[in-house]
Amino acid sequence: MKTIDLLFEESSLTIDDVAERARLSVARVEAIACGRWTPSPAERQRIAAAFGVDVDQVVWGHMMDPRNIRYRRFGLKENF
């Protein structure tokens, strides 16, 4: 199983290249690549095909910390 980052490195494709091949917006592919968006099953098929791999060979899902960034900055109040 490979992450999107690793697929980009191995293929030397750009976000624009993958977006064009997958027929998705550049913004959507960028969000998926950064882990801000979990792709739908149809988007997964398109992106995997753009890289020339099977959809089961790709690690999908959010990679960002689920806690809001604001809590990191100001701390989470104990008695909320």
Protein backbone atom coordinates (compact mmCIF):
# COMPACT_ATOMS: atom_id res chain seq x y z
CA MET A 1 0.00 0.00 0.00
CA LYS A 2 1.25 3.44 -0.92
CA THR A 3 0.29 6.93 0.12
CA ILE A 4 -0.61 9.63 -2.36
CA ASP A 5 2.66 11.41 -1.51
CA LEU A 6 4.68 8.35 -2.42
CA LEU A 7 2.76 7.92 -5.68
CA PHE A 8 3.54 11.52 -6.60
CA GLU A 9 7.23 10.97 -5.84
CA GLU A 10 7.48 7.71 -7.76
CA SER A 11 5.55 8.91 -10.79
CA SER A 12 6.96 12.46 -11.01
CA LEU A 13 3.44 13.62 -11.86
CA THR A 14 2.22 17.02 -10.71
CA ILE A 15 -1.12 17.79 -9.11
CA ASP A 16 -2.17 19.36 -12.42
CA ASP A 17 -1.23 16.16 -14.28
CA VAL A 18 -3.24 13.95 -11.94
CA ALA A 19 -6.21 16.35 -11.97
CA GLU A 20 -6.27 16.31 -15.76
CA ARG A 21 -5.91 12.52 -16.00
CA ALA A 22 -8.54 11.94 -13.28
CA ARG A 23 -10.90 14.61 -14.64
CA LEU A 24 -11.05 16.28 -11.22
CA SER A 25 -10.40 19.86 -10.20
CA VAL A 26 -6.89 20.81 -9.20
CA ALA A 27 -8.23 22.04 -5.85
CA ARG A 28 -9.84 18.65 -5.13
CA VAL A 29 -6.70 16.68 -6.02
CA GLU A 30 -4.60 19.04 -3.90
CA ALA A 31 -6.96 18.60 -0.93
CA ILE A 32 -6.81 14.82 -1.30
CA ALA A 33 -3.02 14.88 -1.63
CA CYS A 34 -2.68 17.04 1.50
CA GLY A 35 -5.07 14.84 3.47
CA ARG A 36 -7.74 17.51 3.90
CA TRP A 37 -10.33 15.55 1.91
CA THR A 38 -11.20 11.87 1.87
CA PRO A 39 -12.07 10.97 -1.71
CA SER A 40 -15.31 9.28 -2.68
CA PRO A 41 -15.15 5.79 -4.21
CA ALA A 42 -15.46 7.30 -7.71
CA GLU A 43 -12.66 9.80 -7.00
CA ARG A 44 -10.50 6.97 -5.66
CA GLN A 45 -10.97 5.01 -8.88
CA ARG A 46 -10.08 8.05 -10.99
CA ILE A 47 -6.99 8.98 -9.00
CA ALA A 48 -5.70 5.41 -8.86
CA ALA A 49 -6.18 5.13 -12.63
CA ALA A 50 -4.32 8.44 -13.10
CA PHE A 51 -1.33 6.90 -11.31
CA GLY A 52 -1.75 3.58 -13.09
CA VAL A 53 -2.34 1.55 -9.93
CA ASP A 54 -5.22 -0.42 -8.49
CA VAL A 55 -7.43 1.42 -6.01
CA ASP A 56 -6.59 -1.19 -3.35
CA GLN A 57 -2.90 -0.29 -3.55
CA VAL A 58 -3.46 3.25 -2.25
CA VAL A 59 -3.85 4.40 1.35
CA TRP A 60 -6.90 6.68 1.51
CA GLY A 61 -8.15 8.90 4.29
CA HIS A 62 -7.51 11.97 6.35
CA MET A 63 -3.98 12.48 7.52
CA MET A 64 -4.53 15.71 9.43
CA ASP A 65 -4.93 15.82 13.19
CA PRO A 66 -8.69 15.84 13.78
CA ARG A 67 -8.43 18.40 16.57
CA ASN A 68 -9.09 21.93 15.57
CA ILE A 69 -5.89 23.95 15.15
CA ARG A 70 -7.36 26.61 17.42
CA TYR A 71 -7.05 24.25 20.41
CA ARG A 72 -3.36 23.84 19.75
CA ARG A 73 -2.88 27.59 19.85
CA PHE A 74 -5.00 28.46 22.87
CA GLY A 75 -5.31 25.18 24.71
CA LEU A 76 -8.42 23.19 25.44
CA LYS A 77 -10.30 24.46 28.49
CA GLU A 78 -10.65 21.80 31.14
CA ASN A 79 -14.22 22.65 32.22
CA PHE A 80 -16.11 23.08 28.98
